[in-house]
Amino acid sequence: MNTSEPSGRDGGARPDRDRGAEKLNWIDRRREKIRAEVERNRRGEYTVPTWVLAAALVVIVGAWLALIFFAG
């Protein structure tokens, strides 16, 4: 069986000493994603999240239906 993992390890199990480095890498990646998003927003590449657009659509349709229901 050809794998890149050493035969002493099982699957995705990692020694405890690697967990701290993994967490630090996750934090660094998260910070970099946030930093990139802030830079995009400063350049004017800001986009409205889909959930905000969906919520606005629900409010508009709900108000329209309420107007028809109560005024009609």
N, C-alpha and C. Protein backbone atom coordinates (compact mmCIF):
# COMPACT_ATOMS: atom_id res chain seq x y z
N MET A 1 0.84 -1.18 0.00
CA MET A 1 0.00 0.00 0.00
C MET A 1 0.88 1.23 0.00
N ASN A 2 0.72 2.09 -0.98
CA ASN A 2 1.53 3.29 -1.09
C ASN A 2 0.79 4.47 -0.49
N THR A 3 1.28 4.96 0.63
CA THR A 3 0.70 6.14 1.26
C THR A 3 1.82 7.09 1.63
N SER A 4 1.46 8.35 1.80
CA SER A 4 2.45 9.33 2.20
C SER A 4 2.60 9.38 3.72
N GLU A 5 1.71 8.69 4.45
CA GLU A 5 1.75 8.63 5.90
C GLU A 5 2.77 7.58 6.35
N PRO A 6 3.52 7.86 7.40
CA PRO A 6 4.38 6.81 7.96
C PRO A 6 3.52 5.68 8.49
N SER A 7 4.04 4.47 8.47
CA SER A 7 3.25 3.31 8.87
C SER A 7 2.92 3.32 10.36
N GLY A 8 3.62 4.11 11.18
CA GLY A 8 3.36 4.16 12.61
C GLY A 8 2.12 4.96 12.98
N ARG A 9 1.61 5.76 12.09
CA ARG A 9 0.42 6.58 12.37
C ARG A 9 -0.82 5.90 11.86
N ASP A 10 -1.95 6.16 12.55
CA ASP A 10 -3.21 5.65 12.03
C ASP A 10 -4.08 6.80 11.58
N GLY A 11 -4.43 6.78 10.29
CA GLY A 11 -5.35 7.75 9.70
C GLY A 11 -4.99 9.19 9.99
N GLY A 12 -5.95 9.90 10.58
CA GLY A 12 -5.77 11.32 10.84
C GLY A 12 -5.31 11.61 12.25
N ALA A 13 -4.97 10.59 13.03
CA ALA A 13 -4.55 10.81 14.41
C ALA A 13 -3.24 11.57 14.43
N ARG A 14 -3.18 12.58 15.28
CA ARG A 14 -1.97 13.38 15.40
C ARG A 14 -1.50 13.36 16.85
N PRO A 15 -0.22 13.38 17.08
CA PRO A 15 0.27 13.45 18.46
C PRO A 15 -0.15 14.77 19.10
N ASP A 16 -0.20 14.78 20.43
CA ASP A 16 -0.62 15.98 21.15
C ASP A 16 0.28 17.17 20.86
N ARG A 17 1.53 16.94 20.62
CA ARG A 17 2.44 18.05 20.39
C ARG A 17 2.14 18.79 19.09
N ASP A 18 1.49 18.13 18.12
CA ASP A 18 1.14 18.79 16.86
C ASP A 18 -0.16 19.58 16.96
N ARG A 19 -0.98 19.33 17.95
CA ARG A 19 -2.27 20.01 18.07
C ARG A 19 -2.11 21.51 18.27
N GLY A 20 -1.12 21.92 19.05
CA GLY A 20 -0.89 23.34 19.27
C GLY A 20 -0.50 24.05 17.98
N ALA A 21 0.35 23.41 17.18
CA ALA A 21 0.76 23.98 15.90
C ALA A 21 -0.41 24.04 14.94
N GLU A 22 -1.27 23.00 14.98
CA GLU A 22 -2.43 22.97 14.10
C GLU A 22 -3.39 24.11 14.45
N LYS A 23 -3.60 24.35 15.73
CA LYS A 23 -4.49 25.42 16.17
C LYS A 23 -3.91 26.77 15.77
N LEU A 24 -2.61 26.95 15.94
CA LEU A 24 -1.96 28.19 15.56
C LEU A 24 -2.10 28.42 14.06
N ASN A 25 -1.92 27.36 13.26
CA ASN A 25 -2.07 27.50 11.82
C ASN A 25 -3.49 27.88 11.46
N TRP A 26 -4.48 27.29 12.16
CA TRP A 26 -5.88 27.63 11.91
C TRP A 26 -6.12 29.10 12.22
N ILE A 27 -5.58 29.60 13.31
CA ILE A 27 -5.75 31.01 13.68
C ILE A 27 -5.09 31.90 12.65
N ASP A 28 -3.90 31.53 12.20
CA ASP A 28 -3.21 32.33 11.18
C ASP A 28 -3.99 32.38 9.88
N ARG A 29 -4.54 31.22 9.47
CA ARG A 29 -5.35 31.19 8.24
C ARG A 29 -6.59 32.05 8.39
N ARG A 30 -7.22 31.99 9.54
CA ARG A 30 -8.44 32.79 9.79
C ARG A 30 -8.11 34.27 9.75
N ARG A 31 -7.02 34.67 10.39
CA ARG A 31 -6.60 36.08 10.37
C ARG A 31 -6.31 36.55 8.95
N GLU A 32 -5.66 35.71 8.16
CA GLU A 32 -5.34 36.08 6.78
C GLU A 32 -6.61 36.24 5.96
N LYS A 33 -7.61 35.36 6.16
CA LYS A 33 -8.89 35.49 5.44
C LYS A 33 -9.57 36.80 5.81
N ILE A 34 -9.56 37.15 7.08
CA ILE A 34 -10.19 38.41 7.52
C ILE A 34 -9.44 39.59 6.94
N ARG A 35 -8.12 39.53 6.97
CA ARG A 35 -7.30 40.62 6.42
C ARG A 35 -7.58 40.81 4.92
N ALA A 36 -7.70 39.70 4.18
CA ALA A 36 -7.99 39.78 2.75
C ALA A 36 -9.37 40.36 2.51
N GLU A 37 -10.34 39.98 3.34
CA GLU A 37 -11.70 40.52 3.17
C GLU A 37 -11.74 42.02 3.43
N VAL A 38 -11.03 42.48 4.45
CA VAL A 38 -10.97 43.92 4.73
C VAL A 38 -10.34 44.66 3.56
N GLU A 39 -9.27 44.11 2.99
CA GLU A 39 -8.63 44.75 1.84
C GLU A 39 -9.57 44.82 0.65
N ARG A 40 -10.33 43.73 0.39
CA ARG A 40 -11.30 43.75 -0.72
C ARG A 40 -12.36 44.82 -0.49
N ASN A 41 -12.85 44.91 0.74
CA ASN A 41 -13.87 45.90 1.05
C ASN A 41 -13.35 47.32 0.87
N ARG A 42 -12.11 47.55 1.23
CA ARG A 42 -11.52 48.89 1.06
C ARG A 42 -11.35 49.25 -0.41
N ARG A 43 -11.16 48.23 -1.26
CA ARG A 43 -11.03 48.49 -2.69
C ARG A 43 -12.39 48.65 -3.36
N GLY A 44 -13.47 48.45 -2.62
CA GLY A 44 -14.79 48.61 -3.20
C GLY A 44 -15.38 47.33 -3.76
N GLU A 45 -14.81 46.20 -3.41
CA GLU A 45 -15.30 44.92 -3.91
C GLU A 45 -16.27 44.29 -2.91
N TYR A 46 -16.93 45.12 -2.11
CA TYR A 46 -17.83 44.61 -1.09
C TYR A 46 -19.07 44.02 -1.72
N THR A 47 -19.48 42.85 -1.25
CA THR A 47 -20.71 42.23 -1.71
C THR A 47 -21.61 41.96 -0.51
N VAL A 48 -22.88 42.08 -0.71
CA VAL A 48 -23.85 41.83 0.34
C VAL A 48 -24.02 40.32 0.50
N PRO A 49 -23.95 39.82 1.75
CA PRO A 49 -24.13 38.38 1.95
C PRO A 49 -25.50 37.91 1.48
N THR A 50 -25.57 36.68 1.03
CA THR A 50 -26.81 36.12 0.50
C THR A 50 -27.92 36.12 1.54
N TRP A 51 -27.60 35.84 2.80
CA TRP A 51 -28.64 35.78 3.83
C TRP A 51 -29.27 37.14 4.04
N VAL A 52 -28.53 38.22 3.85
CA VAL A 52 -29.09 39.57 3.99
C VAL A 52 -30.07 39.83 2.84
N LEU A 53 -29.70 39.43 1.63
CA LEU A 53 -30.60 39.60 0.49
C LEU A 53 -31.86 38.77 0.66
N ALA A 54 -31.73 37.55 1.16
CA ALA A 54 -32.89 36.69 1.39
C ALA A 54 -33.81 37.29 2.45
N ALA A 55 -33.23 37.82 3.52
CA ALA A 55 -34.04 38.43 4.58
C ALA A 55 -34.77 39.66 4.05
N ALA A 56 -34.11 40.46 3.24
CA ALA A 56 -34.75 41.64 2.66
C ALA A 56 -35.91 41.23 1.75
N LEU A 57 -35.72 40.18 0.98
CA LEU A 57 -36.78 39.69 0.10
C LEU A 57 -37.98 39.21 0.92
N VAL A 58 -37.74 38.50 2.00
CA VAL A 58 -38.83 38.02 2.86
C VAL A 58 -39.59 39.20 3.46
N VAL A 59 -38.89 40.23 3.90
CA VAL A 59 -39.54 41.41 4.47
C VAL A 59 -40.39 42.12 3.42
N ILE A 60 -39.86 42.28 2.23
CA ILE A 60 -40.60 42.98 1.17
C ILE A 60 -41.84 42.19 0.76
N VAL A 61 -41.70 40.90 0.54
CA VAL A 61 -42.84 40.07 0.15
C VAL A 61 -43.86 40.01 1.29
N GLY A 62 -43.40 39.90 2.52
CA GLY A 62 -44.30 39.88 3.67
C GLY A 62 -45.08 41.17 3.80
N ALA A 63 -44.42 42.31 3.62
CA ALA A 63 -45.09 43.60 3.69
C ALA A 63 -46.10 43.73 2.55
N TRP A 64 -45.74 43.28 1.38
CA TRP A 64 -46.65 43.34 0.23
C TRP A 64 -47.89 42.49 0.47
N LEU A 65 -47.70 41.26 0.98
CA LEU A 65 -48.84 40.39 1.28
C LEU A 65 -49.70 40.95 2.41
N ALA A 66 -49.08 41.55 3.42
CA ALA A 66 -49.85 42.16 4.50
C ALA A 66 -50.67 43.33 3.99
N LEU A 67 -50.11 44.11 3.11
CA LEU A 67 -50.85 45.23 2.53
C LEU A 67 -52.05 44.74 1.73
N ILE A 68 -51.86 43.70 0.95
CA ILE A 68 -52.97 43.14 0.16
C ILE A 68 -54.02 42.53 1.09
N PHE A 69 -53.58 41.79 2.10
CA PHE A 69 -54.50 41.08 3.00
C PHE A 69 -55.32 42.05 3.84
N PHE A 70 -54.67 43.06 4.42
CA PHE A 70 -55.35 43.98 5.32
C PHE A 70 -56.09 45.12 4.60
N ALA A 71 -55.63 45.51 3.44
CA ALA A 71 -56.27 46.60 2.69
C ALA A 71 -57.36 46.07 1.75
N GLY A 72 -57.29 44.83 1.43
CA GLY A 72 -58.22 44.26 0.45
C GLY A 72 -59.40 43.71 1.11
